[in-house]
Every structure is written in structure tokens, then in C-alpha cells.
Amino acid sequence: MAPPICLLGPPELHLTHPTPAHEENPPLGKYQSSSLTPTLNPCLEFFFKAITTSSDPKRPQNHAPKYGYTYERQKDLTECEEEAWNQDPLTTLGLIFCFRMVGRPNKEAFYKSLLWVHKNHPLALALNLNVFGDLGWFKDLLEILSRVLQDSIVKKREEKRMKSCWNMSYWSFCDESYEEEEKEEKEEINTITDVQIARAKAAVDSYQDDPDYRFLHDRVSDVFVEMLASDLRSLKSDEIEKISYASKFCPSIDSSYDRATLICENIAKRMFPRDDYEEYIDLEEAHYAYRVRDRLRKQVLVPLRKALSLKCSLAAKQNKKSLSLFKNRKVLIALEDYRNIAGCHDGGGNNESKLKFKSHMNIVQKLAPKKAIIDVFW
């Protein structure tokens, strides 16, 4: 009887081929990019991660695997920031400010990066707040302070929840009890006044219990006090053009930022210290806080805002006048620029035009944000 037939197939079938866990080039999903590679400089990777991260919260940031392929988990912005900071802290801090300054500003990446800096290196953020005053980013100071406070409040809630659920076998019971406590707290806070009191209590507790937040709060107040005092000196000397926008963005009393952070009280107390004014020495703390807040509004913010509005109106008139002059002469200016640039190509010896054209191109190249940063870090 003939033996059964056995099919062997081609020789390649019996060679051992390692089966990879994922394809070499799997298809990329929406919002995915193959530009980031592990060989990038950490500072460059942090920069590219920030500029490719959308500031729209509705747009997805973390992409789940599709089609059954095993993707390597993409790094979060804070993870890239940590690696960049470990390599070069000064360059990383400069990159964070670039997110707010150059190209299309990504404020969400800017705030998120600074929040990470406060969590891990609070002094590095607090001691560099003068840069915000020099650049006129007063509203960003308030936004950062508000986000840090909100983050600390959420952290306290999580710690409270973890303490109440110390036994792993009672997780479900703890979750139910914690949810019941939250419902009771929400039922207690019904009116707008109750909400304001709850926010003020959270702000006071964070200022007293968290030394890093307290130092940041004091530094933000110092920046406003320094700029407001300088603006008052400029106002007294009739140098309105030197007045900054600190009075414009300084929170008004009982505004949203003031209710959330109580920043006006801190600014007022530093603007009018108790020891420098005899009328405040014997006052109670609550009465003293009320008096200086009212004085800040009447003697500092109101006159500076009036002067600032006058400065803006004068600047608008000058811009309108210059715009009308430009409209009248735009044809002549266009022809003159065309003649100067064309002179660079005719070889006619117009060296001055050549130098101006080259200098303008050099300035444009230096101001290109991506190229300038990439050239530094390669």
C-alpha cells in the first residue's frame, strides 16, 4: 500500500520568519503624525508636541489603536516637557514663552506647561513672573494663578476621597458615600452668595495651607504693585505714554478673578502697607482690608484707567492720521519700493538698495519662529 501523500510546498515555507507585533508602517489615523521620532532632541520633541497639540478641547489628543495594530503610546505634553527640562531647563522655559509669543500662539499649551512648572519647580515660575510684566501679559498672570488654585482644589478633593477610602475592600461603599456627600454639599450651596462664600473659603484655605501657591500669589501681587506704582509716578510727571496696561487688567473689586483668587486684597495691602500709614495701625484686619481695597479702586485704578483711555484715544488719532497719509501716498510708496528692489537685480550699482533688501531678508529669516528654534537645537 502506497504511503499517504504529504505536501511540502516551496522551501521558503519552512524558513523561520519572526512575526512582528505590529506592522513596520501601520496606517496613521486622523490627527496622527509620523514626524516625531525617538531620536529627536527632547527640547525639539517638546516644541513639536506643543505646536501640533490643538488648543480646542473638543479635538482628541490621545489616539487609541485602530485596525488591531499595536501602536506605541504617544507621549503627553507634560512628559515631553519633563524630558526637555531634565536636559536643558533654561531652553525649556524659553520654549514655553515661545508658545505664547511666536507664530500662532497656543495658550492652552502655554498654560498647561506653566502649570507643570509650578507643580515640579514652583520657584522657577514664581521668580520669572517679572517677564509677564515686561511683556504686558497681565491677564495671563491672573489666568495662571486661577488655574493653579483650581488644580489645588481638585487635588484636595482627591486626597479627601482617598483618605475616606483607605480599605480596598470597601471601594464601592466609599464611592457611594462620597457621592452622597457631594450631593449634600451641592444641595447646601444653592444661592449665588453661598457659591461665592465657598469659593472664597477655598481660596483662603489654599493661601494658608499651600506655601507654593501662597508664594505665587504674593509674586503676582508684587508684579501688579510694581507696575501700578510706576504708572502712578508717570501720571504725576505727565508722562502718559509710559503708563502700562496694568491698571486695565488689574481685577476690579468683586470681579470674577478677584472672587476666585482674592487677588485685590493682596494687591491693596501691598500697595498700602499698614506700617506705612498711621490711620491703618489700630484698625482691625477686616476693616483694614476693606479700607485699602476701596483706596486701591479710588486712588489707583480709577485715575490710571482714565489716563490710559486718554493715551489710547491719542494713539488712535495718530494711527488714523498716519493711515490717511498712507492712503494718499500708497501709490508713490509702492513705486518707490518697487524701484529700490528692482535696482538690486539690474547690476546698476545701487548698493544702498541691495544692503537694505538683504538686511530686510535677514530680519525676516531671524523672525521665522520654527527655523530659528530648530537651528539652535539641532
Protein backbone atom coordinates (compact mmCIF):
# COMPACT_ATOMS: atom_id res chain seq x y z
CA MET A 1 0.00 0.00 0.00
CA ALA A 2 1.36 3.34 -1.01
CA PRO A 3 2.23 5.78 1.79
CA PRO A 4 -0.03 8.85 2.15
CA ILE A 5 0.94 11.87 0.15
CA CYS A 6 2.38 14.79 2.15
CA LEU A 7 2.62 18.25 0.62
CA LEU A 8 5.82 20.11 1.45
CA GLY A 9 5.41 23.27 -0.58
CA PRO A 10 8.26 25.63 -1.54
CA PRO A 11 11.43 25.84 0.62
CA GLU A 12 10.55 29.37 1.78
CA LEU A 13 7.58 27.93 3.64
CA HIS A 14 9.85 26.07 6.08
CA LEU A 15 12.09 29.05 6.87
CA THR A 16 11.54 30.69 10.25
CA HIS A 17 10.10 34.21 9.92
CA PRO A 18 9.75 36.29 13.12
CA THR A 19 6.25 37.65 13.41
CA PRO A 20 6.36 41.32 14.39
CA ALA A 21 3.92 42.64 16.99
CA HIS A 22 2.91 45.41 14.61
CA GLU A 23 3.45 46.37 11.02
CA GLU A 24 6.51 48.37 10.08
CA ASN A 25 4.42 51.24 8.73
CA PRO A 26 0.86 50.93 10.06
CA PRO A 27 -1.69 53.34 8.64
CA LEU A 28 -1.98 56.55 10.61
CA GLY A 29 -5.35 57.63 11.89
CA LYS A 30 -6.80 61.12 11.99
CA TYR A 31 -4.59 63.75 13.73
CA GLN A 32 -1.68 61.24 13.84
CA SER A 33 1.71 62.16 12.51
CA SER A 34 4.92 60.28 11.80
CA SER A 35 7.09 63.39 12.30
CA LEU A 36 8.01 62.61 15.91
CA THR A 37 10.78 60.03 16.25
CA PRO A 38 12.62 58.77 19.35
CA THR A 39 15.90 60.24 18.04
CA LEU A 40 14.70 63.83 18.36
CA ASN A 41 16.25 66.22 20.80
CA PRO A 42 13.92 66.36 23.87
CA CYS A 43 13.56 70.13 23.51
CA LEU A 44 12.63 69.74 19.85
CA GLU A 45 10.18 66.97 20.66
CA PHE A 46 8.57 69.18 23.30
CA PHE A 47 8.34 72.05 20.83
CA PHE A 48 6.78 69.93 18.08
CA LYS A 49 4.37 68.33 20.55
CA ALA A 50 3.17 71.77 21.63
CA ILE A 51 2.68 73.17 18.13
CA THR A 52 0.83 70.03 16.99
CA THR A 53 -1.39 69.95 20.07
CA SER A 54 -4.70 71.62 19.44
CA SER A 55 -5.99 74.25 21.84
CA ASP A 56 -9.53 73.06 21.09
CA PRO A 57 -10.68 70.78 23.95
CA LYS A 58 -13.12 69.01 21.58
CA ARG A 59 -10.31 67.78 19.38
CA PRO A 60 -8.94 64.41 20.56
CA GLN A 61 -5.36 64.40 21.80
CA ASN A 62 -4.69 60.75 22.68
CA HIS A 63 -5.34 58.34 19.84
CA ALA A 64 -6.42 54.78 20.55
CA PRO A 65 -5.15 51.90 18.37
CA LYS A 66 -7.20 51.16 15.26
CA TYR A 67 -7.48 48.18 12.93
CA GLY A 68 -5.91 45.84 15.51
CA TYR A 69 -2.43 47.34 15.25
CA THR A 70 -0.30 47.81 18.35
CA TYR A 71 0.81 51.45 18.50
CA GLU A 72 3.36 52.82 20.88
CA ARG A 73 1.64 55.14 23.32
CA GLN A 74 2.17 58.75 22.40
CA LYS A 75 3.79 60.95 24.98
CA ASP A 76 1.77 63.59 26.70
CA LEU A 77 2.83 67.24 26.54
CA THR A 78 3.93 67.19 30.18
CA GLU A 79 6.03 64.05 29.62
CA CYS A 80 7.85 65.73 26.76
CA GLU A 81 8.26 68.81 28.93
CA GLU A 82 9.79 66.78 31.75
CA GLU A 83 12.37 65.20 29.43
CA ALA A 84 13.22 68.58 27.92
CA TRP A 85 13.53 70.15 31.38
CA ASN A 86 15.91 67.41 32.53
CA GLN A 87 18.12 68.13 29.54
CA ASP A 88 18.04 71.97 29.50
CA PRO A 89 15.75 73.85 31.93
CA LEU A 90 16.53 77.32 30.59
CA THR A 91 15.82 76.37 26.98
CA THR A 92 12.61 74.62 28.02
CA LEU A 93 11.43 77.71 29.88
CA GLY A 94 12.20 79.83 26.82
CA LEU A 95 10.22 77.43 24.63
CA ILE A 96 7.22 77.74 26.93
CA PHE A 97 7.21 81.50 26.42
CA CYS A 98 7.53 80.93 22.66
CA PHE A 99 4.20 79.09 22.72
CA ARG A 100 2.62 82.39 23.74
CA MET A 101 4.66 84.72 21.53
CA VAL A 102 5.53 83.39 18.08
CA GLY A 103 3.57 82.02 15.16
CA ARG A 104 0.06 81.04 16.15
CA PRO A 105 0.03 81.30 19.95
CA ASN A 106 -1.16 78.12 21.66
CA LYS A 107 -2.36 79.43 25.01
CA GLU A 108 -3.61 76.04 26.16
CA ALA A 109 -0.14 74.50 25.78
CA PHE A 110 1.33 77.62 27.40
CA TYR A 111 -0.89 77.37 30.49
CA LYS A 112 -0.56 73.60 30.76
CA SER A 113 3.24 73.80 30.58
CA LEU A 114 3.41 76.52 33.22
CA LEU A 115 1.11 74.51 35.47
CA TRP A 116 3.58 71.62 35.25
CA VAL A 117 6.43 74.01 36.09
CA HIS A 118 4.55 75.18 39.19
CA LYS A 119 3.92 71.61 40.33
CA ASN A 120 7.52 70.47 39.91
CA HIS A 121 9.60 73.68 40.08
CA PRO A 122 7.47 76.36 41.79
CA LEU A 123 10.36 78.76 42.37
CA ALA A 124 11.31 78.72 38.69
CA LEU A 125 7.86 80.03 37.77
CA ALA A 126 7.42 82.46 40.66
CA LEU A 127 10.82 84.11 40.20
CA ASN A 128 10.27 84.65 36.46
CA LEU A 129 6.94 86.44 36.72
CA ASN A 130 8.59 89.80 36.04
CA VAL A 131 8.79 88.71 32.40
CA PHE A 132 5.00 88.81 32.26
CA GLY A 133 5.01 92.41 33.47
CA ASP A 134 7.67 93.44 30.97
CA LEU A 135 5.69 91.87 28.12
CA GLY A 136 2.34 93.20 29.31
CA TRP A 137 0.86 89.75 29.92
CA PHE A 138 -1.10 90.78 33.00
CA LYS A 139 -4.18 88.76 32.13
CA ASP A 140 -2.03 85.65 31.74
CA LEU A 141 -0.78 86.15 35.30
CA LEU A 142 -4.34 86.03 36.58
CA GLU A 143 -5.23 83.03 34.42
CA ILE A 144 -2.21 81.05 35.64
CA LEU A 145 -2.99 81.89 39.27
CA SER A 146 -6.61 80.85 38.78
CA ARG A 147 -5.62 77.53 37.16
CA VAL A 148 -3.11 76.74 39.88
CA LEU A 149 -5.79 77.39 42.50
CA GLN A 150 -8.33 75.22 40.68
CA ASP A 151 -5.77 72.42 40.35
CA SER A 152 -5.00 72.54 44.08
CA ILE A 153 -8.73 72.42 44.92
CA VAL A 154 -9.19 69.32 42.74
CA LYS A 155 -6.11 67.74 44.32
CA LYS A 156 -7.50 68.32 47.83
CA ARG A 157 -10.79 66.70 46.84
CA GLU A 158 -8.97 63.64 45.52
CA GLU A 159 -6.87 63.39 48.69
CA LYS A 160 -10.02 63.63 50.79
CA ARG A 161 -11.60 60.87 48.75
CA MET A 162 -8.54 58.64 49.07
CA LYS A 163 -8.39 59.11 52.84
CA SER A 164 -12.03 58.15 53.20
CA CYS A 165 -11.44 55.01 51.09
CA TRP A 166 -8.36 53.55 52.79
CA ASN A 167 -9.60 49.94 52.68
CA MET A 168 -9.64 48.40 49.19
CA SER A 169 -12.46 46.01 50.10
CA TYR A 170 -14.82 48.95 50.68
CA TRP A 171 -14.24 50.84 47.42
CA SER A 172 -17.80 50.53 46.24
CA PHE A 173 -19.18 51.60 49.62
CA CYS A 174 -16.79 54.55 49.73
CA ASP A 175 -17.71 55.67 46.23
CA GLU A 176 -21.38 55.67 47.18
CA SER A 177 -20.76 57.55 50.44
CA TYR A 178 -18.53 60.09 48.69
CA GLU A 179 -21.16 60.71 46.03
CA GLU A 180 -23.77 61.19 48.75
CA GLU A 181 -21.53 63.74 50.49
CA GLU A 182 -21.07 65.63 47.21
CA LYS A 183 -24.83 65.71 46.66
CA GLU A 184 -25.37 67.04 50.18
CA GLU A 185 -22.74 69.77 49.64
CA LYS A 186 -24.33 70.79 46.34
CA GLU A 187 -27.76 70.92 47.95
CA GLU A 188 -26.39 73.18 50.70
CA ILE A 189 -24.87 75.58 48.14
CA ASN A 190 -27.96 76.91 46.43
CA THR A 191 -27.75 80.68 46.21
CA ILE A 192 -25.13 82.79 44.46
CA THR A 193 -23.94 84.11 47.81
CA ASP A 194 -23.28 80.57 49.03
CA VAL A 195 -21.23 79.85 45.92
CA GLN A 196 -19.16 83.00 46.42
CA ILE A 197 -18.57 82.14 50.07
CA ALA A 198 -17.49 78.60 49.15
CA ARG A 199 -15.03 79.91 46.54
CA ALA A 200 -13.62 82.50 48.94
CA LYS A 201 -13.15 79.83 51.61
CA ALA A 202 -11.33 77.58 49.14
CA ALA A 203 -9.06 80.49 48.12
CA VAL A 204 -8.27 81.36 51.75
CA ASP A 205 -7.56 77.72 52.65
CA SER A 206 -5.22 77.29 49.68
CA TYR A 207 -3.38 80.50 50.52
CA GLN A 208 -2.89 79.42 54.14
CA ASP A 209 -2.17 75.71 53.64
CA ASP A 210 -0.17 75.64 50.37
CA PRO A 211 3.16 77.52 50.65
CA ASP A 212 3.89 77.23 46.92
CA TYR A 213 0.55 78.75 45.99
CA ARG A 214 0.97 81.47 48.62
CA PHE A 215 4.38 82.43 47.22
CA LEU A 216 2.98 82.50 43.68
CA HIS A 217 0.03 84.62 44.86
CA ASP A 218 2.42 87.08 46.54
CA ARG A 219 4.66 87.29 43.48
CA VAL A 220 1.72 88.01 41.16
CA SER A 221 0.62 90.74 43.56
CA ASP A 222 4.15 92.17 43.62
CA VAL A 223 4.22 92.40 39.82
CA PHE A 224 0.98 94.38 39.79
CA VAL A 225 2.11 96.61 42.67
CA GLU A 226 5.42 97.44 40.97
CA MET A 227 3.75 98.30 37.68
CA LEU A 228 0.95 100.31 39.29
CA ALA A 229 3.41 102.30 41.42
CA SER A 230 5.50 103.04 38.32
CA ASP A 231 2.38 104.13 36.43
CA LEU A 232 1.39 106.49 39.26
CA ARG A 233 4.81 108.14 39.09
CA SER A 234 4.45 108.51 35.32
CA LEU A 235 0.98 110.01 35.80
CA LYS A 236 2.24 112.58 38.30
CA SER A 237 5.05 113.61 35.95
CA ASP A 238 2.59 113.90 32.99
CA GLU A 239 4.31 111.08 31.09
CA ILE A 240 1.13 109.36 29.99
CA GLU A 241 2.85 107.49 27.17
CA LYS A 242 4.82 105.45 29.75
CA ILE A 243 1.72 104.12 31.52
CA SER A 244 1.34 100.35 31.15
CA TYR A 245 -1.82 98.24 30.90
CA ALA A 246 -1.53 97.00 34.49
CA SER A 247 -4.47 99.13 35.64
CA LYS A 248 -6.61 97.84 32.77
CA PHE A 249 -6.06 94.16 33.58
CA CYS A 250 -5.84 94.54 37.35
CA PRO A 251 -9.04 92.86 38.59
CA SER A 252 -11.74 95.17 39.80
CA ILE A 253 -13.13 94.56 43.26
CA ASP A 254 -15.59 91.64 43.28
CA SER A 255 -14.77 90.71 39.68
CA SER A 256 -14.55 87.07 38.61
CA TYR A 257 -10.78 86.81 39.13
CA ASP A 258 -10.99 88.66 42.45
CA ARG A 259 -13.74 86.39 43.77
CA ALA A 260 -11.82 83.30 42.70
CA THR A 261 -8.34 84.27 43.97
CA LEU A 262 -8.86 87.28 46.32
CA ILE A 263 -6.02 88.99 44.47
CA CYS A 264 -7.32 92.55 45.02
CA GLU A 265 -6.94 92.29 48.78
CA ASN A 266 -3.33 91.17 48.47
CA ILE A 267 -2.51 93.92 45.95
CA ALA A 268 -4.18 96.58 48.10
CA LYS A 269 -2.37 95.50 51.27
CA ARG A 270 0.98 95.62 49.49
CA MET A 271 0.14 98.93 47.85
CA PHE A 272 -0.81 100.50 51.20
CA PRO A 273 1.09 98.65 53.98
CA ARG A 274 -0.29 99.03 57.47
CA ASP A 275 3.05 100.15 58.91
CA ASP A 276 3.45 103.00 56.39
CA TYR A 277 0.10 104.64 57.14
CA GLU A 278 -0.81 105.75 60.65
CA GLU A 279 -4.56 105.60 60.00
CA TYR A 280 -4.37 101.83 59.49
CA ILE A 281 -2.27 100.85 62.51
CA ASP A 282 -5.09 100.49 65.05
CA LEU A 283 -7.71 99.12 62.65
CA GLU A 284 -8.99 95.57 62.77
CA GLU A 285 -7.86 93.29 59.96
CA ALA A 286 -11.28 93.12 58.30
CA HIS A 287 -11.74 96.89 58.41
CA TYR A 288 -8.19 97.45 57.19
CA ALA A 289 -8.74 95.10 54.23
CA TYR A 290 -11.95 96.91 53.29
CA ARG A 291 -10.32 100.37 53.54
CA VAL A 292 -7.28 99.55 51.40
CA ARG A 293 -9.35 97.80 48.72
CA ASP A 294 -11.56 100.86 48.42
CA ARG A 295 -8.50 103.11 48.35
CA LEU A 296 -6.93 100.99 45.62
CA ARG A 297 -10.01 101.49 43.48
CA LYS A 298 -10.37 105.24 44.07
CA GLN A 299 -6.76 106.44 44.16
CA VAL A 300 -5.02 103.97 41.84
CA LEU A 301 -7.23 102.14 39.36
CA VAL A 302 -9.73 104.89 38.51
CA PRO A 303 -7.18 107.67 37.70
CA LEU A 304 -4.85 105.30 35.86
CA ARG A 305 -7.67 103.90 33.74
CA LYS A 306 -8.76 107.42 32.81
CA ALA A 307 -5.21 108.29 31.78
CA LEU A 308 -4.93 105.02 29.87
CA SER A 309 -8.13 105.75 27.95
CA LEU A 310 -6.71 109.18 27.05
CA LYS A 311 -3.50 107.53 25.91
CA CYS A 312 -5.42 105.07 23.74
CA SER A 313 -7.53 107.85 22.19
CA LEU A 314 -4.42 109.86 21.32
CA ALA A 315 -2.78 106.78 19.83
CA ALA A 316 -5.93 106.07 17.79
CA LYS A 317 -5.91 109.62 16.41
CA GLN A 318 -2.27 109.33 15.43
CA ASN A 319 -2.89 105.98 13.76
CA LYS A 320 -5.87 107.40 11.89
CA LYS A 321 -3.81 110.36 10.72
CA SER A 322 -0.91 108.18 9.63
CA LEU A 323 -3.35 105.83 7.87
CA SER A 324 -4.86 108.71 5.89
CA LEU A 325 -1.39 109.90 4.90
CA PHE A 326 -0.50 106.38 3.83
CA LYS A 327 -3.65 106.09 1.70
CA ASN A 328 -2.78 109.34 -0.06
CA ARG A 329 0.77 108.25 -0.79
CA LYS A 330 0.41 104.48 -1.17
CA VAL A 331 0.94 104.59 -4.94
CA LEU A 332 4.16 106.59 -4.62
CA ILE A 333 5.41 104.34 -1.81
CA ALA A 334 4.66 101.20 -3.84
CA LEU A 335 6.51 102.57 -6.85
CA GLU A 336 9.46 103.62 -4.70
CA ASP A 337 9.74 100.19 -3.08
CA TYR A 338 9.48 98.50 -6.48
CA ARG A 339 12.22 100.74 -7.88
CA ASN A 340 14.54 100.04 -4.95
CA ILE A 341 14.02 96.28 -5.12
CA ALA A 342 14.31 96.20 -8.89
CA GLY A 343 17.61 98.04 -8.59
CA CYS A 344 19.05 95.04 -6.80
CA HIS A 345 18.78 92.95 -9.97
CA ASP A 346 19.94 95.30 -12.70
CA GLY A 347 23.56 95.45 -11.59
CA GLY A 348 23.42 99.22 -11.79
CA GLY A 349 25.41 99.82 -8.64
CA ASN A 350 22.52 100.66 -6.31
CA ASN A 351 24.44 99.34 -3.30
CA GLU A 352 22.24 101.08 -0.74
CA SER A 353 19.13 99.33 -2.04
CA LYS A 354 20.96 96.00 -2.07
CA LEU A 355 22.02 96.39 1.54
CA LYS A 356 18.52 97.39 2.63
CA PHE A 357 16.97 94.45 0.80
CA LYS A 358 19.45 91.96 2.26
CA SER A 359 19.02 93.36 5.76
CA HIS A 360 15.24 93.09 5.49
CA MET A 361 15.52 89.48 4.34
CA ASN A 362 17.88 88.68 7.21
CA ILE A 363 15.40 90.14 9.69
CA VAL A 364 12.58 88.06 8.21
CA GLN A 365 14.67 84.90 8.44
CA LYS A 366 15.57 85.62 12.05
CA LEU A 367 11.94 86.22 12.95
CA ALA A 368 10.77 82.90 11.47
CA PRO A 369 9.94 81.05 14.72
CA LYS A 370 10.25 77.42 13.64
CA LYS A 371 13.50 77.84 11.73
CA ALA A 372 15.14 79.94 14.43
CA ILE A 373 14.38 77.45 17.18
CA ILE A 374 15.27 74.37 15.15
CA ASP A 375 18.62 75.80 14.09
CA VAL A 376 19.54 76.43 17.71
CA PHE A 377 18.81 72.91 18.92
CA TRP A 378 19.97 70.67 16.11
